[in-house]
Protein backbone atom coordinates (compact mmCIF):
# COMPACT_ATOMS: atom_id res chain seq x y z
CA MET A 1 0.00 0.00 0.00
CA ARG A 2 1.28 3.47 -0.84
CA ARG A 3 2.73 5.87 1.67
CA GLY A 4 0.14 8.39 2.76
CA ASP A 5 -2.61 6.03 1.63
CA ARG A 6 -3.04 3.89 4.71
CA ARG A 7 -6.38 2.84 6.04
CA PRO A 8 -7.29 3.91 9.57
CA GLY A 9 -6.16 1.14 11.86
CA ALA A 10 -3.20 0.10 9.68
CA ARG A 11 0.08 -0.54 11.45
CA GLY A 12 1.87 2.65 12.35
CA ASP A 13 -1.27 4.79 12.39
CA PRO A 14 -3.01 6.18 15.47
CA ALA A 15 -6.07 4.13 16.35
CA PRO A 16 -9.26 5.74 14.99
CA ALA A 17 -12.44 6.05 16.96
CA ARG A 18 -14.32 2.78 16.75
CA PRO A 19 -17.51 3.11 14.67
CA ALA A 20 -20.79 2.36 16.37
CA ALA A 21 -21.29 -0.60 14.04
CA ARG A 22 -19.21 -3.70 14.69
CA LEU A 23 -15.75 -3.95 13.13
CA TRP A 24 -16.23 -7.43 11.75
CA HIS A 25 -12.66 -8.02 10.65
CA LEU A 26 -10.79 -6.29 13.48
CA ASP A 27 -12.47 -7.25 16.73
CA ARG A 28 -11.15 -10.78 17.27
CA LEU A 29 -8.12 -11.67 19.36
CA SER A 30 -5.62 -13.95 17.68
CA ALA A 31 -5.24 -17.47 19.01
CA ARG A 32 -1.82 -16.60 20.39
CA ARG A 33 -3.12 -13.62 22.32
CA ARG A 34 -5.97 -15.73 23.67
CA GLY A 35 -3.43 -18.30 24.84
CA ARG A 36 -1.35 -15.68 26.64
CA ALA A 37 -4.48 -14.26 28.26
CA ALA A 38 -5.51 -17.71 29.47
CA ARG A 39 -2.05 -18.29 30.93
CA GLY A 40 -2.28 -15.03 32.85
CA ARG A 41 -5.71 -15.83 34.25
CA GLY A 42 -4.71 -19.35 35.31
CA ALA A 43 -6.73 -22.49 35.73
CA ALA A 44 -9.20 -20.90 38.14
CA VAL A 45 -10.80 -18.93 35.32
CA THR A 46 -10.59 -21.55 32.55
CA GLY A 47 -11.88 -24.31 34.81
CA GLN A 48 -9.09 -26.64 33.61
CA PRO A 49 -6.66 -28.53 35.86
CA ARG A 50 -3.27 -26.84 35.96
CA ARG A 51 -1.56 -29.61 33.96
CA TRP A 52 -3.95 -29.10 31.04
CA ALA A 53 -3.50 -25.33 31.11
CA ASP A 54 0.28 -25.79 31.21
CA ARG A 55 0.24 -28.21 28.28
CA LEU A 56 -1.88 -25.84 26.19
CA ALA A 57 0.38 -22.92 27.07
CA ALA A 58 3.48 -24.93 26.12
CA ALA A 59 1.90 -25.89 22.79
CA GLY A 60 1.17 -22.23 22.15
CA ASP A 61 4.88 -21.46 22.50
CA LEU A 62 5.87 -23.93 19.76
CA PRO A 63 6.60 -22.64 16.23
CA ASP A 64 3.50 -21.92 14.16
CA GLY A 65 3.74 -25.14 12.15
CA GLU A 66 3.29 -28.89 12.06
CA GLU A 67 5.00 -29.50 15.41
CA ARG A 68 2.39 -27.38 17.17
CA ALA A 69 -0.41 -29.08 15.23
CA VAL A 70 0.77 -32.54 16.33
CA GLU A 71 1.03 -31.48 19.97
CA LEU A 72 -2.41 -29.88 20.01
CA ASP A 73 -3.89 -33.02 18.51
CA ARG A 74 -2.21 -35.10 21.24
CA ILE A 75 -3.60 -32.85 23.95
CA ALA A 76 -7.09 -33.09 22.46
CA SER A 77 -6.94 -36.89 22.34
CA ALA A 78 -5.64 -37.11 25.92
CA ALA A 79 -8.38 -34.77 27.13
CA ASP A 80 -11.00 -36.92 25.41
CA ALA A 81 -9.64 -40.01 27.15
CA ALA A 82 -9.81 -38.19 30.48
CA GLY A 83 -13.36 -37.00 29.85
CA ASP A 84 -12.32 -33.32 29.92
CA LEU A 85 -14.71 -31.67 27.46
CA ALA A 86 -13.43 -28.12 27.95
CA THR A 87 -9.77 -28.97 27.30
CA GLY A 88 -10.63 -31.12 24.30
CA LEU A 89 -12.53 -28.21 22.79
CA ASP A 90 -9.82 -25.65 23.63
CA ALA A 91 -7.08 -27.76 22.04
CA ARG A 92 -9.07 -28.27 18.86
CA PHE A 93 -10.00 -24.61 18.60
CA ALA A 94 -6.30 -23.72 18.90
CA LEU A 95 -5.61 -26.29 16.18
CA MET A 96 -8.28 -24.81 13.90
CA ASP A 97 -6.89 -21.30 14.41
CA LEU A 98 -3.46 -22.64 13.44
CA TYR A 99 -4.83 -24.14 10.23
CA LEU A 100 -6.55 -20.86 9.36
CA ARG A 101 -3.40 -18.81 9.90
CA ARG A 102 -1.48 -21.23 7.68
CA GLY A 103 -4.08 -21.03 4.90
CA GLU A 104 -5.07 -24.69 5.36
CA ARG A 105 -8.83 -24.50 5.69
CA TRP A 106 -9.19 -27.92 4.10
CA ARG A 107 -7.74 -29.41 7.31
CA LEU A 108 -10.58 -28.04 9.45
CA PHE A 109 -13.00 -30.89 8.81
CA GLU A 110 -11.69 -33.39 11.36
CA PRO A 111 -11.37 -31.04 14.37
CA VAL A 112 -14.71 -29.42 13.51
CA ARG A 113 -16.36 -32.83 13.23
CA ARG A 114 -14.87 -33.98 16.53
CA CYS A 115 -15.93 -30.80 18.39
CA ARG A 116 -19.48 -31.23 17.16
CA GLU A 117 -19.39 -34.93 18.07
CA LEU A 118 -18.29 -34.13 21.63
CA LEU A 119 -21.04 -31.54 22.10
CA ASP A 120 -23.66 -33.87 20.63
CA ALA A 121 -22.55 -36.70 22.93
CA ALA A 122 -22.69 -34.47 26.00
CA SER A 123 -26.13 -33.23 24.98
CA ALA A 124 -27.45 -36.77 24.50
CA ASP A 125 -26.10 -37.96 27.87
CA ALA A 126 -29.00 -37.90 30.33
CA THR A 127 -26.56 -37.60 33.24
CA ALA A 128 -24.68 -34.66 31.71
CA GLU A 129 -25.70 -31.13 30.96
CA VAL A 130 -24.07 -28.96 28.33
CA PRO A 131 -23.73 -25.58 30.06
CA THR A 132 -25.35 -22.55 28.44
CA THR A 133 -22.84 -20.17 30.05
CA GLY A 134 -19.10 -20.26 30.58
CA PRO A 135 -16.18 -21.45 28.40
CA VAL A 136 -17.93 -24.52 26.95
CA ALA A 137 -20.98 -22.49 25.93
CA GLU A 138 -18.71 -19.90 24.32
CA ARG A 139 -17.01 -22.64 22.33
CA ALA A 140 -20.39 -23.99 21.22
CA ALA A 141 -21.28 -20.57 19.82
CA GLU A 142 -17.88 -20.19 18.13
CA LEU A 143 -18.08 -23.63 16.55
CA ARG A 144 -20.69 -22.54 14.01
CA ARG A 145 -18.22 -20.09 12.52
CA TYR A 146 -15.59 -22.82 12.14
CA GLN A 147 -18.19 -25.15 10.64
CA ARG A 148 -18.81 -22.47 8.03
CA PHE A 149 -15.10 -22.17 7.31
CA ALA A 150 -14.90 -25.93 6.79
CA VAL A 151 -17.79 -25.98 4.31
CA GLU A 152 -16.35 -23.01 2.42
CA ALA A 153 -13.02 -24.81 2.11
CA ALA A 154 -14.64 -27.21 -0.37
CA PHE A 155 -15.30 -24.31 -2.76
CA GLY A 156 -11.60 -23.41 -2.74
CA THR A 157 -9.89 -26.79 -3.13
CA PRO A 158 -10.70 -30.28 -4.45
CA ARG A 159 -8.77 -31.81 -1.54
CA VAL A 160 -12.00 -31.85 0.47
CA GLY A 161 -14.45 -34.64 -0.33
CA LEU A 162 -17.95 -33.76 -1.47
CA GLY A 163 -19.45 -36.19 1.05
CA GLN A 164 -17.48 -34.50 3.84
CA THR A 165 -18.79 -31.14 2.72
CA ARG A 166 -22.41 -32.19 2.65
CA ALA A 167 -22.12 -33.87 6.04
CA ALA A 168 -20.56 -30.74 7.53
CA LEU A 169 -23.32 -28.60 6.04
CA ASP A 170 -25.99 -30.92 7.44
CA ASP A 171 -24.33 -30.64 10.87
CA LEU A 172 -24.38 -26.87 10.57
CA ALA A 173 -28.11 -26.98 9.83
CA ARG A 174 -28.80 -28.80 13.11
CA PRO A 175 -29.11 -26.99 16.48
CA THR A 176 -25.79 -26.64 18.27
CA PRO A 177 -25.84 -28.21 21.77
CA GLY A 178 -25.00 -25.72 24.50
CA LEU A 179 -25.86 -22.70 22.37
CA LYS A 180 -28.15 -20.56 24.48
CA GLY A 181 -31.57 -20.07 22.97
CA LEU A 182 -31.48 -23.25 20.87
CA ALA A 183 -33.34 -26.32 22.06
CA ARG A 184 -31.70 -29.71 22.04
CA PRO A 185 -32.49 -31.81 18.96
CA ALA A 186 -35.50 -34.07 19.39
CA PRO A 187 -34.96 -37.86 19.27
CA GLY A 188 -34.55 -39.12 15.73
CA GLY A 189 -33.40 -35.74 14.47
CA ALA A 190 -36.86 -34.16 14.45
CA GLY A 191 -37.55 -30.57 15.27
CA ASP A 192 -34.86 -28.86 13.19
CA PRO A 193 -35.12 -25.07 13.34
CA ALA A 194 -35.91 -22.85 10.38
CA VAL A 195 -33.11 -22.57 7.85
CA SER A 196 -30.84 -19.62 8.66
CA ASP A 197 -29.28 -17.28 6.13
CA LEU A 198 -25.94 -19.01 6.70
CA VAL A 199 -27.22 -22.48 5.80
CA ALA A 200 -29.22 -21.15 2.83
CA GLU A 201 -26.18 -19.26 1.51
CA LEU A 202 -23.87 -22.26 1.77
CA ARG A 203 -26.39 -24.57 0.11
CA CYS A 204 -26.78 -21.98 -2.66
CA ARG A 205 -23.03 -21.72 -3.19
CA LEU A 206 -22.55 -25.49 -3.14
CA ALA A 207 -25.25 -25.98 -5.78
CA ASP A 208 -23.70 -23.23 -7.88
CA HIS A 209 -20.24 -24.77 -7.54
CA LEU A 210 -21.65 -28.06 -8.85
CA GLY A 211 -23.40 -26.34 -11.76
CA ASP A 212 -26.98 -26.84 -10.54
CA GLU A 213 -28.27 -23.32 -11.23
CA PRO A 214 -31.99 -24.02 -10.58
CA GLU A 215 -31.16 -25.43 -7.13
CA ALA A 216 -28.75 -22.56 -6.48
CA ARG A 217 -31.42 -20.00 -7.38
CA ARG A 218 -33.93 -21.71 -5.10
CA TRP A 219 -31.54 -21.43 -2.16
CA TYR A 220 -30.59 -17.90 -3.22
CA ASP A 221 -34.21 -16.81 -2.75
CA ARG A 222 -34.31 -18.46 0.69
CA TRP A 223 -31.01 -16.83 1.63
CA ARG A 224 -32.42 -13.35 1.06
CA THR A 225 -35.38 -13.91 3.39
CA ALA A 226 -33.97 -16.36 5.98
CA PRO A 227 -33.41 -15.31 9.60
CA ALA A 228 -29.94 -13.97 10.33
CA ASP A 229 -27.29 -16.22 11.83
CA PRO A 230 -24.47 -14.52 13.80
CA ALA A 231 -22.02 -16.98 12.22
CA ALA A 232 -23.03 -16.01 8.67
CA GLY A 233 -20.15 -13.61 8.23
CA CYS A 234 -19.72 -9.96 7.45
CA PRO A 235 -23.07 -8.33 6.57
CA ALA A 236 -21.26 -5.59 4.62
CA CYS A 237 -19.82 -8.23 2.28
CA ALA A 238 -23.10 -10.12 1.72
CA PRO A 239 -24.01 -7.92 -1.31
CA SER A 240 -20.63 -8.77 -2.85
CA ARG A 241 -21.20 -12.48 -2.34
CA ARG A 242 -24.67 -12.27 -3.89
CA ALA A 243 -23.39 -10.19 -6.81
CA ASP A 244 -20.69 -12.77 -7.53
CA LEU A 245 -23.36 -15.45 -7.94
CA LEU A 246 -25.60 -13.27 -10.09
CA ALA A 247 -22.72 -12.30 -12.37
CA GLY A 248 -21.79 -15.96 -12.75
CA TRP A 249 -25.36 -16.65 -13.91
CA GLY A 250 -25.12 -13.80 -16.44
CA ASP A 251 -27.48 -11.50 -14.50
CA TRP A 252 -25.22 -8.48 -14.87
CA ALA A 253 -27.90 -5.87 -14.11
CA ALA A 254 -28.98 -7.67 -10.94
CA ALA A 255 -25.36 -8.04 -9.85
CA LEU A 256 -24.79 -4.33 -10.32
CA ALA A 257 -27.98 -3.51 -8.42
CA GLU A 258 -26.68 -5.47 -5.42
CA LEU A 259 -23.48 -3.43 -5.40
CA ARG A 260 -24.88 0.03 -6.21
CA PRO A 261 -25.23 1.21 -2.58
CA ILE A 262 -21.51 0.61 -2.02
CA VAL A 263 -20.22 1.48 -5.49
CA ASP A 264 -22.19 4.74 -5.52
CA GLY A 265 -21.18 5.61 -1.96
CA PRO A 266 -18.94 8.56 -1.07
CA THR A 267 -15.95 6.32 -0.28
CA ALA A 268 -15.97 4.96 -3.85
CA ALA A 269 -15.90 8.32 -5.61
CA THR A 270 -12.50 8.69 -7.29
CA PRO A 271 -9.04 7.12 -7.07
CA ALA A 272 -7.52 10.19 -5.45
CA GLU A 273 -10.22 10.44 -2.79
CA THR A 274 -10.15 6.92 -1.36
CA GLY A 275 -7.75 5.49 1.12
CA GLY A 276 -9.13 2.02 1.74
CA ALA A 277 -10.62 3.20 5.01
CA GLY A 278 -13.49 0.76 4.96
CA THR A 279 -17.15 1.50 4.59
CA ALA A 280 -20.54 0.63 5.96
CA GLY A 281 -22.51 -2.00 4.11
CA GLY A 282 -25.54 -4.19 4.73
CA GLY A 283 -27.30 -3.39 7.98
CA GLY A 284 -24.83 -0.58 8.71
CA ALA A 285 -22.03 -3.07 9.42
CA TYR A 286 -18.53 -1.71 8.99
CA CYS A 287 -16.01 -3.67 6.92
CA THR A 288 -12.41 -2.88 6.05
CA ASP A 289 -12.67 -4.93 2.82
CA GLN A 290 -15.09 -2.36 1.42
CA PRO A 291 -15.54 -0.50 -0.82
CA GLU A 292 -12.70 -2.13 -2.82
CA ARG A 293 -14.20 -5.62 -2.78
CA ALA A 294 -17.48 -4.31 -4.19
CA LEU A 295 -15.63 -2.19 -6.76
CA ALA A 296 -13.76 -5.25 -8.04
CA GLY A 297 -17.00 -7.21 -8.23
CA ALA A 298 -18.64 -4.37 -10.18
CA LEU A 299 -15.98 -4.09 -12.91
CA LEU A 300 -17.58 -6.41 -15.48
CA PRO A 301 -21.19 -5.51 -14.60
CA LEU A 302 -20.34 -1.82 -15.12
CA LEU A 303 -18.51 -2.58 -18.36
CA ARG A 304 -21.43 -4.61 -19.71
CA ALA A 305 -23.89 -1.93 -18.59
CA GLY A 306 -22.18 0.60 -20.88
CA GLU A 307 -20.41 2.48 -18.09
CA PRO A 308 -16.73 2.09 -19.02
CA GLU A 309 -15.69 5.35 -17.35
CA ARG A 310 -17.08 4.25 -14.00
CA ALA A 311 -15.59 0.80 -14.46
CA GLY A 312 -12.20 2.38 -15.10
CA ARG A 313 -12.40 4.50 -11.96
CA ALA A 314 -13.46 1.47 -9.93
CA HIS A 315 -10.55 -0.56 -11.29
CA VAL A 316 -7.92 2.06 -10.51
CA THR A 317 -9.31 2.65 -7.02
CA ALA A 318 -9.60 -1.02 -6.09
CA TYR A 319 -6.35 -2.18 -7.68
CA ARG A 320 -4.38 0.41 -5.75
CA ARG A 321 -5.23 -1.62 -2.66
CA HIS A 322 -5.42 -5.13 -4.15
CA ARG A 323 -2.07 -4.70 -5.85
CA ARG A 324 -0.07 -5.49 -2.72
CA GLU A 325 -2.54 -6.79 -0.18
CA ARG A 326 -1.70 -10.40 0.61
CA THR A 327 -5.28 -11.49 1.25
CA ALA A 328 -6.60 -9.89 -1.98
CA PHE A 329 -5.13 -12.42 -4.41
CA GLY A 330 -8.62 -13.71 -5.21
CA GLN A 331 -9.63 -10.24 -6.44
CA LEU A 332 -6.93 -10.05 -9.12
CA ALA A 333 -8.78 -12.17 -11.69
CA ALA A 334 -11.53 -9.54 -11.89
CA HIS A 335 -8.94 -6.83 -12.61
CA LEU A 336 -7.30 -8.92 -15.34
CA ARG A 337 -10.63 -9.72 -16.99
CA PHE A 338 -11.62 -6.06 -16.91
CA CYS A 339 -8.38 -5.07 -18.64
CA ALA A 340 -8.79 -7.85 -21.22
CA LEU A 341 -12.43 -7.17 -22.07
CA GLY A 342 -12.25 -3.39 -21.70
CA GLY A 343 -9.37 -2.96 -24.15
CA HIS A 344 -6.68 -2.04 -21.61
CA LEU A 345 -4.29 -4.72 -22.80
CA ASP A 346 -0.99 -3.04 -21.94
CA ARG A 347 -2.24 -2.18 -18.46
CA GLY A 348 -3.42 -5.77 -18.05
CA LEU A 349 -0.07 -7.21 -19.15
CA ASP A 350 1.72 -4.93 -16.69
CA ILE A 351 -0.53 -6.20 -13.90
CA LEU A 352 -0.07 -9.81 -14.96
CA ALA A 353 3.73 -9.48 -15.02
CA GLU A 354 3.69 -7.85 -11.59
CA GLN A 355 1.36 -10.41 -10.00
CA LEU A 356 2.62 -13.68 -11.52
CA PRO A 357 4.98 -14.38 -8.58
CA ARG A 358 1.94 -14.59 -6.30
CA LEU A 359 0.77 -17.65 -8.21
CA ASP A 360 3.45 -19.60 -6.32
CA ARG A 361 1.42 -19.31 -3.11
CA PRO A 362 -2.24 -18.58 -3.93
CA SER A 363 -4.90 -18.37 -1.26
CA ASP A 364 -6.45 -21.59 -2.61
CA ASP A 365 -6.81 -23.66 -5.79
CA LEU A 366 -9.92 -21.78 -6.92
CA ALA A 367 -8.13 -18.42 -6.75
CA ALA A 368 -5.20 -19.89 -8.72
CA MET A 369 -7.59 -21.29 -11.35
CA GLU A 370 -9.42 -17.98 -11.73
CA PHE A 371 -6.20 -15.97 -11.92
CA ALA A 372 -4.65 -18.32 -14.48
CA ALA A 373 -7.78 -18.32 -16.64
CA ALA A 374 -8.07 -14.52 -16.59
CA GLY A 375 -4.36 -14.21 -17.40
CA ALA A 376 -4.70 -16.66 -20.28
CA LEU A 377 -7.64 -14.69 -21.70
CA LEU A 378 -5.64 -11.48 -21.47
CA CYS A 379 -2.64 -13.04 -23.21
CA ALA A 380 -4.79 -14.47 -26.01
CA LEU A 381 -6.43 -11.11 -26.73
CA ALA A 382 -3.07 -9.33 -26.50
CA ALA A 383 -1.57 -11.77 -29.01
CA GLU A 384 -4.49 -11.12 -31.38
CA ALA A 385 -3.76 -7.39 -31.05
CA GLY A 386 -0.11 -7.86 -32.06
CA ARG A 387 1.45 -8.00 -28.60
CA GLY A 388 2.26 -11.71 -28.66
CA ASP A 389 6.03 -11.13 -28.76
CA ARG A 390 6.19 -9.05 -25.60
CA ARG A 391 8.48 -10.69 -23.06
CA MET A 392 6.95 -11.72 -19.74
CA PRO A 393 8.06 -13.62 -16.63
CA GLY A 394 7.23 -17.31 -16.71
CA PRO A 395 4.47 -18.63 -14.44
CA ALA A 396 4.83 -21.00 -11.54
CA ALA A 397 2.33 -23.66 -10.56
CA PRO A 398 0.69 -23.29 -7.14
CA ALA A 399 2.71 -24.81 -4.32
CA GLY A 400 2.21 -28.53 -4.09
CA ARG A 401 1.26 -28.92 -7.75
CA GLY A 402 4.63 -30.41 -8.70
CA ALA A 403 5.70 -27.95 -11.40
CA ASP A 404 8.63 -25.56 -11.37
CA ARG A 405 8.76 -22.09 -12.84
CA ALA A 406 8.51 -22.45 -16.60
CA GLY A 407 11.05 -19.73 -17.26
CA ASP A 408 11.86 -16.14 -16.45
CA ASP A 409 11.49 -14.76 -19.93
CA ILE A 410 8.83 -16.02 -22.33
CA ASP A 411 6.56 -14.29 -24.80
CA VAL A 412 2.93 -13.40 -24.20
CA ALA A 413 1.61 -16.08 -26.52
CA ARG A 414 3.54 -18.85 -24.74
CA LEU A 415 2.59 -17.51 -21.32
CA GLY A 416 -1.07 -17.58 -22.27
CA GLY A 417 -0.81 -21.22 -23.24
CA LEU A 418 0.83 -22.17 -19.95
CA LEU A 419 -1.77 -20.30 -17.92
CA ALA A 420 -4.62 -21.88 -19.86
CA GLU A 421 -3.12 -25.31 -19.22
CA LEU A 422 -2.90 -24.59 -15.50
CA ALA A 423 -6.48 -23.29 -15.31
CA THR A 424 -7.98 -26.21 -17.20
CA GLY A 425 -5.99 -28.68 -15.10
CA LEU A 426 -7.29 -27.20 -11.86
CA ALA A 427 -10.85 -27.13 -13.23
CA GLY A 428 -10.50 -30.81 -14.08
CA SER A 429 -9.43 -31.54 -10.51
CA PHE A 430 -12.58 -29.88 -9.16
CA ASP A 431 -14.76 -31.74 -11.66
CA ALA A 432 -13.17 -35.09 -10.80
CA ARG A 433 -14.08 -34.48 -7.17
CA ASN A 434 -17.55 -33.16 -8.00
CA GLY A 435 -18.52 -35.72 -10.63
CA THR A 436 -19.53 -32.94 -13.05
CA GLY A 437 -17.99 -30.98 -15.90
CA HIS A 438 -19.17 -27.60 -14.66
CA GLN A 439 -15.87 -26.01 -13.68
CA SER A 440 -14.19 -27.10 -16.92
CA GLY A 441 -17.09 -25.66 -18.90
CA ARG A 442 -16.95 -22.42 -16.96
CA ILE A 443 -13.23 -21.99 -17.58
CA ALA A 444 -13.67 -22.81 -21.28
CA ALA A 445 -16.36 -20.12 -21.52
CA LEU A 446 -14.12 -17.60 -19.77
CA LEU A 447 -11.22 -18.34 -22.15
CA ALA A 448 -13.54 -17.78 -25.13
CA GLU A 449 -14.78 -14.35 -24.00
CA ARG A 450 -14.53 -11.45 -26.43
CA PRO A 451 -13.96 -7.74 -25.70
CA VAL A 452 -17.01 -5.65 -24.85
CA ALA A 453 -18.04 -3.59 -27.85
CA GLY A 454 -17.46 0.14 -27.75
CA PRO A 455 -14.62 2.65 -27.72
CA VAL A 456 -11.78 2.16 -25.26
CA VAL A 457 -12.07 4.83 -22.58
CA PRO A 458 -8.74 5.98 -21.08
CA LEU A 459 -8.22 5.09 -17.44
CA PRO A 460 -7.95 7.90 -14.87
CA ALA A 461 -4.53 8.65 -13.47
CA ASP A 462 -3.67 7.09 -10.15
CA GLU A 463 -2.19 9.99 -8.24
CA ALA A 464 -1.16 8.06 -5.13
CA ALA A 465 2.57 7.75 -4.54
CA ASP A 466 3.98 4.23 -4.30
CA ASP A 467 6.71 3.43 -1.83
CA GLY A 468 6.86 -0.18 -2.99
CA SER A 469 6.05 -1.59 0.43
CA ASP A 470 3.83 -4.60 0.90
CA ASP A 471 0.67 -4.61 2.93
CA ASP A 472 -0.28 -7.69 4.89
CA GLY A 473 -3.98 -7.21 4.45
CA GLY A 474 -4.95 -5.72 7.78
CA THR A 475 -4.46 -6.65 11.40
CA ASP A 476 -6.18 -10.04 11.48
CA GLU A 477 -4.04 -13.16 11.34
CA PHE A 478 -6.68 -14.66 9.10
CA ASP A 479 -9.57 -13.06 7.29
CA GLU A 480 -12.78 -14.95 7.83
CA ASP A 481 -14.48 -13.70 4.69
CA ARG A 482 -11.97 -15.22 2.27
CA ASP A 483 -11.87 -18.95 1.33
CA GLY A 484 -10.86 -19.42 1.94
CA SER A 485 -12.05 -17.50 1.87
CA GLY A 486 -12.97 -17.66 1.38
CA LYS A 487 -12.37 -16.95 0.18
CA GLY A 488 -11.84 -15.93 -0.81
CA GLY A 489 -11.69 -14.37 -4.04
CA SER A 490 -14.69 -12.41 -5.03
CA GLY A 491 -15.93 -10.79 -8.17
CA PRO A 492 -17.43 -12.47 -11.22
CA ALA A 493 -14.21 -14.38 -11.79
CA GLY A 494 -14.10 -15.91 -8.36
CA ARG A 495 -17.60 -16.22 -7.03
CA GLU A 496 -17.10 -19.49 -5.15
CA ALA A 497 -14.32 -18.15 -3.03
CA GLY A 498 -15.39 -15.67 -0.42
CA ARG A 499 -14.11 -15.79 3.41
CA GLU A 500 -17.65 -14.34 4.77
């Protein structure tokens, strides 16, 4: 992020006055800070025997990697054997926080499943009572958020089984034992509560991911009218998530209508006037991802609505932030597609060359697929326009995909072929898991897109100075509205990703 262009609350800035609405992405303590706080309070507050508190504290001091994960898993298993529900939950929540910080949402399924299993067992035990206050009750409330993260992980990577995903979503739809205000499930599973907006949204996104648009639209309608769930994620980002789906279905006008209140807001006026300070969204909620997330999602809807000037302003404003923000990788595909389809080929190639190194470590497989497909489209259109000989850095496959950097100096035409190969390969991996051809068909359609008709409108100048420094994407150790987000990429190019 550029010097002089920091958002309030960024490192090095004085803390701004907290808005009356909740700061969804800034008001959670990290797992490490929670661990230190628990150590200071001691076992009397946590209700755990001293040896359990000491073991958890020692695990929290281990490096943030596999060694800590193994130790936390051991503690959880030992606590289960000892019948210590609170410690078993605490160890698994620390493990889930570790996975989130490491960008490994796909590993959440087992600890989430086990936490839910423990709470269900305690609830079904006639001699036991799941408390509705205290640490265990707090964990029961938190668990719904982690269940959501686990389900969303399936949209971002094919490593997660479809059966696992559906089972986790069914668990999320059931009442959570120990959660105050929710009755225990009736025998035989009867008496499920009304579907919440969280469950309806996830069922909508799962159907869309599998290519079942009629089912996705049915759940979309229920999502809009369902009762709110506190675990559903950032309300200010809900319009962006809905717009991503609508754009994917080709409903460009409806997608733009969802985003208008944010895109037309005062914080989205011009590139020189915005500083990524965050904005209020749905229900007055305050979100530091906005307005830039909505601006990126509006690029193609604005372009297709015949508003290229506004699309250009939105692109320059949003890319100034997304350019260096670590957690914004999923937004880059929308910027590349805008440049490709809006006739800004040289600008798009500059962005692609600058951002290719980030393909080494994408936020998830979906974000890598979307980025590669958008880059391939850009390269193909640039080659058609006579720019095929321009030299570009070679791409690298996402970590763990078994391919090395293809080369540090290849032409645009060759780069486009490599990116298309990567995108189609990742789409095939999703389809093999899903048992459909939807993702492959979607990528093929994206690669075949043609520029939007009309004159090319020059982009506004970006007057912000650039000191070349990186921004880590805010103060959270993980952003719950990205898939993976979800992500989470957002925008028409990445509608399945999206961390709340």
